[in-house]
PDB file of N, CA and C in Angstrom:
ATOM      1  N   MET A   1      -1.940  11.488 -20.655  1.00  0.00           N
ATOM      2  CA  MET A   1      -2.910  10.471 -20.034  1.00  0.00           C
ATOM      3  C   MET A   1      -3.607  10.170 -19.293  1.00  0.00           C
ATOM      4  N   SER A   2      -4.563   9.329 -19.255  1.00  0.00           N
ATOM      5  CA  SER A   2      -5.304   9.747 -18.372  1.00  0.00           C
ATOM      6  C   SER A   2      -4.544   8.562 -17.066  1.00  0.00           C
ATOM      7  N   ALA A   3      -5.429   8.914 -16.242  1.00  0.00           N
ATOM      8  CA  ALA A   3      -5.221   8.001 -14.815  1.00  0.00           C
ATOM      9  C   ALA A   3      -5.114   6.314 -14.676  1.00  0.00           C
ATOM     10  N   THR A   4      -6.307   5.970 -15.560  1.00  0.00           N
ATOM     11  CA  THR A   4      -6.319   4.619 -15.350  1.00  0.00           C
ATOM     12  C   THR A   4      -6.178   3.663 -16.856  1.00  0.00           C
ATOM     13  N   PRO A   5      -5.693   2.523 -16.912  1.00  0.00           N
ATOM     14  CA  PRO A   5      -5.081   2.389 -18.474  1.00  0.00           C
ATOM     15  C   PRO A   5      -6.735   2.134 -19.198  1.00  0.00           C
ATOM     16  N   ILE A   6      -8.200   1.831 -18.919  1.00  0.00           N
ATOM     17  CA  ILE A   6      -9.236   2.286 -20.039  1.00  0.00           C
ATOM     18  C   ILE A   6      -9.980   3.237 -19.315  1.00  0.00           C
ATOM     19  N   ASP A   7     -10.883   3.557 -19.897  1.00  0.00           N
ATOM     20  CA  ASP A   7     -12.348   4.562 -20.197  1.00  0.00           C
ATOM     21  C   ASP A   7     -13.152   4.072 -19.299  1.00  0.00           C
ATOM     22  N   LEU A   8     -13.341   4.307 -17.550  1.00  0.00           N
ATOM     23  CA  LEU A   8     -14.135   3.269 -17.483  1.00  0.00           C
ATOM     24  C   LEU A   8     -15.656   5.194 -16.509  1.00  0.00           C
ATOM     25  N   ASP A   9     -16.369   4.569 -17.106  1.00  0.00           N
ATOM     26  CA  ASP A   9     -17.345   5.741 -16.532  1.00  0.00           C
ATOM     27  C   ASP A   9     -17.094   5.355 -15.069  1.00  0.00           C
ATOM     28  N   GLU A  10     -17.510   6.217 -14.033  1.00  0.00           N
ATOM     29  CA  GLU A  10     -17.093   6.824 -12.991  1.00  0.00           C
ATOM     30  C   GLU A  10     -18.440   5.425 -11.921  1.00  0.00           C
ATOM     31  N   PRO A  11     -19.405   5.370 -12.183  1.00  0.00           N
ATOM     32  CA  PRO A  11     -20.350   3.896 -11.787  1.00  0.00           C
ATOM     33  C   PRO A  11     -19.693   2.532 -11.758  1.00  0.00           C
ATOM     34  N   THR A  12     -18.864   2.336 -13.189  1.00  0.00           N
ATOM     35  CA  THR A  12     -18.846   1.213 -12.921  1.00  0.00           C
ATOM     36  C   THR A  12     -17.217   1.052 -12.679  1.00  0.00           C
ATOM     37  N   ARG A  13     -16.138   2.021 -12.449  1.00  0.00           N
ATOM     38  CA  ARG A  13     -14.762   1.841 -11.346  1.00  0.00           C
ATOM     39  C   ARG A  13     -15.207   1.996 -10.186  1.00  0.00           C
ATOM     40  N   THR A  14     -17.244   2.886  -9.824  1.00  0.00           N
ATOM     41  CA  THR A  14     -16.372   2.634  -8.415  1.00  0.00           C
ATOM     42  C   THR A  14     -17.246   1.140  -7.637  1.00  0.00           C
ATOM     43  N   GLU A  15     -17.509   0.054  -8.803  1.00  0.00           N
ATOM     44  CA  GLU A  15     -18.333  -1.227  -8.268  1.00  0.00           C
ATOM     45  C   GLU A  15     -17.330  -1.835  -8.963  1.00  0.00           C
ATOM     46  N   LEU A  16     -15.927  -1.694  -9.722  1.00  0.00           N
ATOM     47  CA  LEU A  16     -14.840  -2.681 -10.103  1.00  0.00           C
ATOM     48  C   LEU A  16     -14.435  -2.502  -8.841  1.00  0.00           C
ATOM     49  N   GLU A  17     -13.740  -1.317  -8.028  1.00  0.00           N
ATOM     50  CA  GLU A  17     -12.966  -1.074  -6.690  1.00  0.00           C
ATOM     51  C   GLU A  17     -13.922  -1.934  -5.522  1.00  0.00           C
ATOM     52  N   ALA A  18     -15.128  -1.141  -5.333  1.00  0.00           N
ATOM     53  CA  ALA A  18     -15.716  -2.508  -4.540  1.00  0.00           C
ATOM     54  C   ALA A  18     -15.212  -3.369  -4.517  1.00  0.00           C
ATOM     55  N   ALA A  19     -15.829  -3.875  -5.613  1.00  0.00           N
ATOM     56  CA  ALA A  19     -15.294  -5.798  -6.020  1.00  0.00           C
ATOM     57  C   ALA A  19     -14.151  -5.946  -5.533  1.00  0.00           C
ATOM     58  N   ALA A  20     -13.034  -5.174  -5.660  1.00  0.00           N
ATOM     59  CA  ALA A  20     -11.722  -5.587  -5.769  1.00  0.00           C
ATOM     60  C   ALA A  20     -11.217  -5.617  -4.273  1.00  0.00           C
ATOM     61  N   PHE A  21     -12.019  -4.425  -3.269  1.00  0.00           N
ATOM     62  CA  PHE A  21     -12.551  -4.531  -1.488  1.00  0.00           C
ATOM     63  C   PHE A  21     -12.889  -5.495  -0.788  1.00  0.00           C
ATOM     64  N   ARG A  22     -13.877  -5.791  -1.631  1.00  0.00           N
ATOM     65  CA  ARG A  22     -13.717  -6.787  -0.693  1.00  0.00           C
ATOM     66  C   ARG A  22     -13.152  -8.140  -1.067  1.00  0.00           C
ATOM     67  N   ARG A  23     -13.121  -8.048  -1.801  1.00  0.00           N
ATOM     68  CA  ARG A  23     -11.806  -9.418  -2.382  1.00  0.00           C
ATOM     69  C   ARG A  23     -10.770  -9.476  -1.871  1.00  0.00           C
ATOM     70  N   LEU A  24      -9.786  -8.644  -1.427  1.00  0.00           N
ATOM     71  CA  LEU A  24      -8.656  -8.162  -0.018  1.00  0.00           C
ATOM     72  C   LEU A  24     -10.012  -8.312   0.698  1.00  0.00           C
ATOM     73  N   VAL A  25     -10.903  -8.097   1.591  1.00  0.00           N
ATOM     74  CA  VAL A  25     -10.804  -8.405   3.510  1.00  0.00           C
ATOM     75  C   VAL A  25     -11.927  -9.318   2.657  1.00  0.00           C
ATOM     76  N   GLN A  26     -11.912  -9.948   2.041  1.00  0.00           N
ATOM     77  CA  GLN A  26     -11.966 -11.696   1.831  1.00  0.00           C
ATOM     78  C   GLN A  26     -10.761 -12.698   2.118  1.00  0.00           C
ATOM     79  N   HIS A  27      -9.964 -11.770   1.539  1.00  0.00           N
ATOM     80  CA  HIS A  27      -8.448 -12.880   1.686  1.00  0.00           C
ATOM     81  C   HIS A  27      -7.667 -12.804   2.766  1.00  0.00           C
ATOM     82  N   LEU A  28      -7.729 -11.580   3.535  1.00  0.00           N
ATOM     83  CA  LEU A  28      -7.413 -10.977   4.373  1.00  0.00           C
ATOM     84  C   LEU A  28      -8.085 -12.344   5.740  1.00  0.00           C
ATOM     85  N   ARG A  29      -9.457 -11.781   5.598  1.00  0.00           N
ATOM     86  CA  ARG A  29     -10.057 -13.051   6.523  1.00  0.00           C
ATOM     87  C   ARG A  29      -9.678 -14.714   6.178  1.00  0.00           C
ATOM     88  N   GLU A  30      -9.459 -15.008   4.890  1.00  0.00           N
ATOM     89  CA  GLU A  30      -9.420 -16.494   5.018  1.00  0.00           C
ATOM     90  C   GLU A  30      -7.238 -16.497   5.231  1.00  0.00           C
ATOM     91  N   ARG A  31      -6.698 -15.879   5.458  1.00  0.00           N
ATOM     92  CA  ARG A  31      -5.708 -15.515   5.807  1.00  0.00           C
ATOM     93  C   ARG A  31      -5.304 -15.181   7.221  1.00  0.00           C
ATOM     94  N   THR A  32      -5.897 -16.250   8.239  1.00  0.00           N
ATOM     95  CA  THR A  32      -5.658 -16.221   9.652  1.00  0.00           C
ATOM     96  C   THR A  32      -4.517 -15.997   9.986  1.00  0.00           C
ATOM     97  N   ASP A  33      -3.416 -17.118   9.638  1.00  0.00           N
ATOM     98  CA  ASP A  33      -2.305 -17.327   9.312  1.00  0.00           C
ATOM     99  C   ASP A  33      -1.732 -16.317   9.388  1.00  0.00           C
ATOM    100  N   VAL A  34      -1.183 -15.005   8.730  1.00  0.00           N
ATOM    101  CA  VAL A  34      -0.998 -13.684   8.452  1.00  0.00           C
ATOM    102  C   VAL A  34      -1.393 -12.455   9.782  1.00  0.00           C
ATOM    103  N   GLN A  35      -0.352 -12.573   9.680  1.00  0.00           N
ATOM    104  CA  GLN A  35      -0.452 -11.223  11.181  1.00  0.00           C
ATOM    105  C   GLN A  35      -1.137 -10.147  10.688  1.00  0.00           C
ATOM    106  N   ASN A  36      -0.954  -9.224  11.953  1.00  0.00           N
ATOM    107  CA  ASN A  36      -1.035  -7.971  10.462  1.00  0.00           C
ATOM    108  C   ASN A  36       0.183  -6.847  11.122  1.00  0.00           C
ATOM    109  N   LEU A  37       1.081  -7.998  11.632  1.00  0.00           N
ATOM    110  CA  LEU A  37       2.603  -7.392  11.752  1.00  0.00           C
ATOM    111  C   LEU A  37       3.266  -7.128  10.153  1.00  0.00           C
ATOM    112  N   ASP A  38       3.276  -8.586  10.014  1.00  0.00           N
ATOM    113  CA  ASP A  38       3.688  -8.947   8.569  1.00  0.00           C
ATOM    114  C   ASP A  38       3.253  -8.561   7.512  1.00  0.00           C
ATOM    115  N   VAL A  39       1.551  -7.904   7.388  1.00  0.00           N
ATOM    116  CA  VAL A  39       0.694  -6.917   6.272  1.00  0.00           C
ATOM    117  C   VAL A  39       1.620  -6.038   6.161  1.00  0.00           C
ATOM    118  N   MET A  40       1.427  -4.989   7.615  1.00  0.00           N
ATOM    119  CA  MET A  40       2.354  -3.457   7.760  1.00  0.00           C
ATOM    120  C   MET A  40       3.765  -3.985   7.453  1.00  0.00           C
ATOM    121  N   ASN A  41       4.174  -4.926   7.778  1.00  0.00           N
ATOM    122  CA  ASN A  41       5.583  -4.853   7.106  1.00  0.00           C
ATOM    123  C   ASN A  41       5.791  -4.589   5.766  1.00  0.00           C
ATOM    124  N   LEU A  42       5.149  -5.722   5.084  1.00  0.00           N
ATOM    125  CA  LEU A  42       5.555  -5.524   4.199  1.00  0.00           C
ATOM    126  C   LEU A  42       4.173  -4.562   3.366  1.00  0.00           C
ATOM    127  N   ALA A  43       3.653  -4.788   3.228  1.00  0.00           N
ATOM    128  CA  ALA A  43       3.143  -3.845   2.500  1.00  0.00           C
ATOM    129  C   ALA A  43       2.624  -2.143   3.010  1.00  0.00           C
ATOM    130  N   GLY A  44       2.916  -1.890   4.162  1.00  0.00           N
ATOM    131  CA  GLY A  44       2.417  -0.461   5.081  1.00  0.00           C
ATOM    132  C   GLY A  44       1.113  -0.217   5.911  1.00  0.00           C
ATOM    133  N   PHE A  45       0.452  -1.497   5.217  1.00  0.00           N
ATOM    134  CA  PHE A  45      -0.831  -1.342   5.839  1.00  0.00           C
ATOM    135  C   PHE A  45      -1.144  -2.867   6.868  1.00  0.00           C
ATOM    136  N   CYS A  46      -2.517  -2.437   7.107  1.00  0.00           N
ATOM    137  CA  CYS A  46      -3.064  -4.143   7.799  1.00  0.00           C
ATOM    138  C   CYS A  46      -4.383  -3.863   7.874  1.00  0.00           C
ATOM    139  N   ARG A  47      -4.863  -4.984   8.669  1.00  0.00           N
ATOM    140  CA  ARG A  47      -6.616  -5.151   9.206  1.00  0.00           C
ATOM    141  C   ARG A  47      -7.182  -3.585   9.623  1.00  0.00           C
ATOM    142  N   ASN A  48      -6.707  -3.528  10.576  1.00  0.00           N
ATOM    143  CA  ASN A  48      -6.559  -1.942  11.266  1.00  0.00           C
ATOM    144  C   ASN A  48      -6.838  -1.073  10.446  1.00  0.00           C
ATOM    145  N   CYS A  49      -6.042  -0.929   9.727  1.00  0.00           N
ATOM    146  CA  CYS A  49      -5.816   0.226   8.982  1.00  0.00           C
ATOM    147  C   CYS A  49      -6.999   0.066   8.246  1.00  0.00           C
ATOM    148  N   LEU A  50      -7.523  -0.581   7.592  1.00  0.00           N
ATOM    149  CA  LEU A  50      -8.700  -0.764   6.131  1.00  0.00           C
ATOM    150  C   LEU A  50      -9.938  -0.903   7.113  1.00  0.00           C
ATOM    151  N   ALA A  51      -9.843  -0.836   8.826  1.00  0.00           N
ATOM    152  CA  ALA A  51     -10.659  -0.543   9.265  1.00  0.00           C
ATOM    153  C   ALA A  51     -11.056   1.181   9.407  1.00  0.00           C
ATOM    154  N   LYS A  52     -10.718   1.376   9.647  1.00  0.00           N
ATOM    155  CA  LYS A  52     -10.190   2.846  10.263  1.00  0.00           C
ATOM    156  C   LYS A  52     -10.376   3.493   8.608  1.00  0.00           C
ATOM    157  N   TRP A  53      -9.574   3.603   7.539  1.00  0.00           N
ATOM    158  CA  TRP A  53     -10.227   3.983   6.206  1.00  0.00           C
ATOM    159  C   TRP A  53     -11.196   4.088   6.283  1.00  0.00           C
ATOM    160  N   TYR A  54     -12.100   2.324   6.228  1.00  0.00           N
ATOM    161  CA  TYR A  54     -13.808   2.460   6.671  1.00  0.00           C
ATOM    162  C   TYR A  54     -14.297   3.089   6.739  1.00  0.00           C
ATOM    163  N   ARG A  55     -14.014   3.251   8.610  1.00  0.00           N
ATOM    164  CA  ARG A  55     -14.795   4.120   9.072  1.00  0.00           C
ATOM    165  C   ARG A  55     -14.596   5.774   9.124  1.00  0.00           C
ATOM    166  N   ALA A  56     -13.135   6.448   8.025  1.00  0.00           N
ATOM    167  CA  ALA A  56     -13.002   7.367   7.697  1.00  0.00           C
ATOM    168  C   ALA A  56     -14.035   7.598   6.935  1.00  0.00           C
ATOM    169  N   ALA A  57     -14.023   7.150   5.068  1.00  0.00           N
ATOM    170  CA  ALA A  57     -14.847   6.527   4.473  1.00  0.00           C
ATOM    171  C   ALA A  57     -16.952   7.567   4.734  1.00  0.00           C
ATOM    172  N   ALA A  58     -16.719   6.285   6.620  1.00  0.00           N
ATOM    173  CA  ALA A  58     -18.305   6.485   6.257  1.00  0.00           C
ATOM    174  C   ALA A  58     -18.641   7.958   7.448  1.00  0.00           C
ATOM    175  N   GLU A  59     -17.386   8.297   8.044  1.00  0.00           N
ATOM    176  CA  GLU A  59     -17.783   9.912   8.786  1.00  0.00           C
ATOM    177  C   GLU A  59     -17.549  10.806   7.716  1.00  0.00           C
ATOM    178  N   GLU A  60     -16.624  10.628   6.956  1.00  0.00           N
ATOM    179  CA  GLU A  60     -17.152  11.681   4.896  1.00  0.00           C
ATOM    180  C   GLU A  60     -18.393  11.796   4.908  1.00  0.00           C
ATOM    181  N   ARG A  61     -19.095  11.095   5.143  1.00  0.00           N
ATOM    182  CA  ARG A  61     -20.347  10.618   4.547  1.00  0.00           C
ATOM    183  C   ARG A  61     -21.770  10.873   5.604  1.00  0.00           C
ATOM    184  N   GLY A  62     -21.418  11.417   6.243  1.00  0.00           N
ATOM    185  CA  GLY A  62     -21.663  11.503   7.806  1.00  0.00           C
ATOM    186  C   GLY A  62     -22.648   9.835   7.931  1.00  0.00           C
ATOM    187  N   ILE A  63     -21.932   9.272   8.053  1.00  0.00           N
ATOM    188  CA  ILE A  63     -22.678   7.924   9.059  1.00  0.00           C
ATOM    189  C   ILE A  63     -21.238   7.332   9.476  1.00  0.00           C
ATOM    190  N   PRO A  64     -22.369   7.611  11.333  1.00  0.00           N
ATOM    191  CA  PRO A  64     -20.929   6.820  12.216  1.00  0.00           C
ATOM    192  C   PRO A  64     -20.772   5.373  12.182  1.00  0.00           C
ATOM    193  N   LEU A  65     -19.456   5.731  12.467  1.00  0.00           N
ATOM    194  CA  LEU A  65     -19.443   3.960  12.607  1.00  0.00           C
ATOM    195  C   LEU A  65     -18.164   3.678  13.746  1.00  0.00           C
ATOM    196  N   PRO A  66     -18.290   3.218  14.975  1.00  0.00           N
ATOM    197  CA  PRO A  66     -17.578   3.204  15.595  1.00  0.00           C
ATOM    198  C   PRO A  66     -16.041   2.447  15.178  1.00  0.00           C
ATOM    199  N   ASP A  67     -14.857   1.977  16.101  1.00  0.00           N
ATOM    200  CA  ASP A  67     -14.254   1.399  15.619  1.00  0.00           C
ATOM    201  C   ASP A  67     -13.935   0.318  15.239  1.00  0.00           C
ATOM    202  N   ALA A  68     -15.006  -0.346  16.730  1.00  0.00           N
ATOM    203  CA  ALA A  68     -15.047  -1.581  16.609  1.00  0.00           C
ATOM    204  C   ALA A  68     -16.544  -2.699  15.926  1.00  0.00           C
ATOM    205  N   GLN A  69     -17.127  -1.690  15.125  1.00  0.00           N
ATOM    206  CA  GLN A  69     -17.583  -1.976  13.957  1.00  0.00           C
ATOM    207  C   GLN A  69     -16.820  -1.482  12.770  1.00  0.00           C
ATOM    208  N   ALA A  70     -16.580  -1.008  12.848  1.00  0.00           N
ATOM    209  CA  ALA A  70     -15.475  -1.439  12.055  1.00  0.00           C
ATOM    210  C   ALA A  70     -14.518  -2.011  11.366  1.00  0.00           C
ATOM    211  N   ARG A  71     -13.903  -2.856  12.428  1.00  0.00           N
ATOM    212  CA  ARG A  71     -12.541  -3.618  12.675  1.00  0.00           C
ATOM    213  C   ARG A  71     -13.885  -5.167  12.210  1.00  0.00           C
ATOM    214  N   GLU A  72     -15.603  -5.211  12.950  1.00  0.00           N
ATOM    215  CA  GLU A  72     -15.825  -6.218  13.100  1.00  0.00           C
ATOM    216  C   GLU A  72     -16.287  -6.599  11.016  1.00  0.00           C
ATOM    217  N   LEU A  73     -16.471  -5.667  10.637  1.00  0.00           N
ATOM    218  CA  LEU A  73     -16.637  -5.333   8.968  1.00  0.00           C
ATOM    219  C   LEU A  73     -15.541  -5.871   8.216  1.00  0.00           C
ATOM    220  N   ILE A  74     -14.165  -5.359   8.856  1.00  0.00           N
ATOM    221  CA  ILE A  74     -12.435  -6.084   8.038  1.00  0.00           C
ATOM    222  C   ILE A  74     -12.266  -7.488   8.717  1.00  0.00           C
ATOM    223  N   TYR A  75     -12.196  -7.364   9.839  1.00  0.00           N
ATOM    224  CA  TYR A  75     -12.423  -9.248  10.723  1.00  0.00           C
ATOM    225  C   TYR A  75     -13.641 -10.192  10.233  1.00  0.00           C
ATOM    226  N   GLY A  76     -14.755  -9.517   9.794  1.00  0.00           N
ATOM    227  CA  GLY A  76     -15.816 -10.653  10.394  1.00  0.00           C
ATOM    228  C   GLY A  76     -16.175 -11.296  11.402  1.00  0.00           C
ATOM    229  N   MET A  77     -15.538 -11.031  12.474  1.00  0.00           N
ATOM    230  CA  MET A  77     -15.915 -11.223  13.913  1.00  0.00           C
ATOM    231  C   MET A  77     -15.971  -9.878  14.886  1.00  0.00           C
ATOM    232  N   PRO A  78     -15.958  -9.905  16.245  1.00  0.00           N
ATOM    233  CA  PRO A  78     -15.655  -8.784  16.505  1.00  0.00           C
ATOM    234  C   PRO A  78     -14.252  -9.238  16.928  1.00  0.00           C
ATOM    235  N   TYR A  79     -13.106  -8.245  16.848  1.00  0.00           N
ATOM    236  CA  TYR A  79     -11.625  -7.650  16.759  1.00  0.00           C
ATOM    237  C   TYR A  79     -11.445  -8.813  18.620  1.00  0.00           C
ATOM    238  N   ASP A  80     -11.008  -8.637  19.081  1.00  0.00           N
ATOM    239  CA  ASP A  80     -10.994  -9.717  20.196  1.00  0.00           C
ATOM    240  C   ASP A  80     -11.359 -10.774  20.437  1.00  0.00           C
ATOM    241  N   GLU A  81     -12.209 -11.508  19.670  1.00  0.00           N
ATOM    242  CA  GLU A  81     -12.492 -13.178  19.366  1.00  0.00           C
ATOM    243  C   GLU A  81     -11.103 -13.287  18.523  1.00  0.00           C
ATOM    244  N   TRP A  82     -10.910 -12.092  17.159  1.00  0.00           N
ATOM    245  CA  TRP A  82     -10.440 -12.287  15.644  1.00  0.00           C
ATOM    246  C   TRP A  82      -8.405 -12.805  17.002  1.00  0.00           C
ATOM    247  N   LYS A  83      -8.335 -11.228  17.596  1.00  0.00           N
ATOM    248  CA  LYS A  83      -7.209 -11.972  18.565  1.00  0.00           C
ATOM    249  C   LYS A  83      -7.187 -13.398  19.583  1.00  0.00           C
ATOM    250  N   ALA A  84      -8.227 -13.230  19.848  1.00  0.00           N
ATOM    251  CA  ALA A  84      -7.892 -14.548  20.673  1.00  0.00           C
ATOM    252  C   ALA A  84      -7.646 -15.856  20.049  1.00  0.00           C
ATOM    253  N   LYS A  85      -8.759 -16.084  18.973  1.00  0.00           N
ATOM    254  CA  LYS A  85      -8.393 -17.461  17.984  1.00  0.00           C
ATOM    255  C   LYS A  85      -7.027 -17.198  17.726  1.00  0.00           C
ATOM    256  N   TYR A  86      -6.401 -15.976  16.271  1.00  0.00           N
ATOM    257  CA  TYR A  86      -4.498 -15.954  15.408  1.00  0.00           C
ATOM    258  C   TYR A  86      -4.454 -15.297  15.712  1.00  0.00           C
ATOM    259  N   GLN A  87      -4.448 -14.434  16.872  1.00  0.00           N
ATOM    260  CA  GLN A  87      -2.553 -13.725  16.728  1.00  0.00           C
ATOM    261  C   GLN A  87      -1.766 -13.994  18.074  1.00  0.00           C
ATOM    262  N   LYS A  88      -0.634 -14.499  16.793  1.00  0.00           N
ATOM    263  CA  LYS A  88       0.454 -14.338  17.745  1.00  0.00           C
ATOM    264  C   LYS A  88       1.101 -13.743  18.513  1.00  0.00           C
TER     265      LYS A  88
END
């Protein structure tokens, strides 16, 4: 039995995963009422985890990506700005 329920070629699978990831990031940007701690307690990861995973993926491909830039990609704004506006 395959790990995926349907047979997809690698580029299509990657494209679908990327689209799902972008939708997840957009959802987290829109749900500023949900704190990272809430997400971490329920799901075991948070916005900062996504930023770290993004940075690690970039670094695996030889692309330097500082934490601040990775967080900005996930938060949609500088992290300090997000904290000032939304962190409780």
